[in-house]
Protein backbone atom coordinates (compact mmCIF):
# COMPACT_ATOMS: atom_id res chain seq x y z
CA MET A 1 -5.48 -11.31 16.27
CA LYS A 2 -3.43 -11.96 19.38
CA ARG A 3 -3.01 -15.64 18.51
CA ILE A 4 -1.98 -14.84 14.94
CA CYS A 5 0.67 -12.44 16.22
CA GLU A 6 1.95 -15.08 18.66
CA VAL A 7 2.18 -17.75 15.97
CA LEU A 8 4.00 -15.41 13.59
CA GLU A 9 6.16 -14.07 16.45
CA PHE A 10 4.98 -10.60 15.52
CA ASN A 11 4.58 -7.64 17.84
CA GLY A 12 0.82 -7.06 17.98
CA SER A 13 1.12 -3.34 18.62
CA SER A 14 2.77 -2.91 15.22
CA ARG A 15 -0.53 -3.48 13.45
CA TYR A 16 -1.61 0.03 14.38
CA LYS A 17 1.30 1.45 12.43
CA TRP A 18 0.46 -0.33 9.16
CA PRO A 19 -2.04 2.22 7.78
CA SER A 20 0.33 5.16 8.26
CA ASP A 21 3.24 3.23 6.72
CA TRP A 22 1.13 2.25 3.73
CA GLN A 23 -0.07 5.83 3.19
CA ALA A 24 3.47 7.19 3.42
CA GLY A 25 4.66 4.57 0.93
CA ALA A 26 1.83 5.34 -1.47
CA ALA A 27 2.57 9.07 -1.35
CA HIS A 28 6.25 8.39 -2.00
CA GLN A 29 5.41 6.19 -4.99
CA HIS A 30 3.12 8.89 -6.37
CA ARG A 31 5.90 11.50 -6.11
CA ASP A 32 8.36 9.10 -7.77
CA ARG A 33 5.98 8.48 -10.67
CA ALA A 34 5.37 12.20 -11.14
CA LEU A 35 9.11 12.88 -11.12
CA ALA A 36 9.74 10.06 -13.60
CA GLU A 37 7.16 11.56 -15.98
CA LYS A 38 8.93 14.94 -15.78
CA ILE A 39 12.30 13.30 -16.40
CA TYR A 40 11.00 11.45 -19.46
CA ARG A 41 9.40 14.64 -20.76
CA VAL A 42 12.64 16.65 -20.46
CA HIS A 43 14.69 13.80 -21.91
CA GLY A 44 12.33 13.53 -24.88
CA GLU A 45 12.19 17.30 -25.46
CA THR A 46 15.97 17.33 -25.75
CA GLN A 47 16.00 14.53 -28.32
CA SER A 48 17.41 12.20 -25.64
CA THR A 49 20.71 14.10 -25.49
CA TYR A 50 20.55 15.21 -21.84
CA GLY A 51 22.03 12.97 -19.18
CA PRO A 52 21.23 13.02 -15.44
CA PRO A 53 23.16 16.23 -14.59
CA ARG A 54 21.56 18.28 -17.37
CA VAL A 55 18.10 16.81 -16.76
CA THR A 56 18.44 17.73 -13.07
CA ALA A 57 19.50 21.26 -13.98
CA GLU A 58 16.60 21.60 -16.42
CA LEU A 59 14.09 20.36 -13.83
CA LYS A 60 15.46 22.79 -11.23
CA GLU A 61 15.20 25.62 -13.76
CA ARG A 62 11.55 24.70 -14.26
CA SER A 63 11.10 24.65 -10.46
CA CYS A 64 10.08 21.02 -10.43
CA GLY A 65 13.35 19.29 -9.73
CA PRO A 66 14.03 16.40 -7.41
CA THR A 67 14.76 16.81 -3.73
CA ARG A 68 18.34 16.71 -2.57
CA ASN A 69 17.89 13.02 -1.58
CA THR A 70 16.82 11.91 -5.05
CA SER A 71 19.33 10.66 -7.60
CA LEU A 72 18.58 10.70 -11.31
CA ALA A 73 21.59 8.56 -12.10
CA PRO A 74 21.02 4.81 -12.47
């Protein structure tokens, strides 16, 4: 492993961080997918007339809205 890291000019100690980074990324992707499903559901229930502000308000009313760091706008 040490030789591989030297050849790739990669810090060998970083390999211990990979599993935690991958798990955090996977959890984030899962939350994003769940939120996307909720957005599509609300959008469909409103006959596709709600835009990002109204979808956000509807999700917050249902207590399942996005976090403050999530944007529904494209």
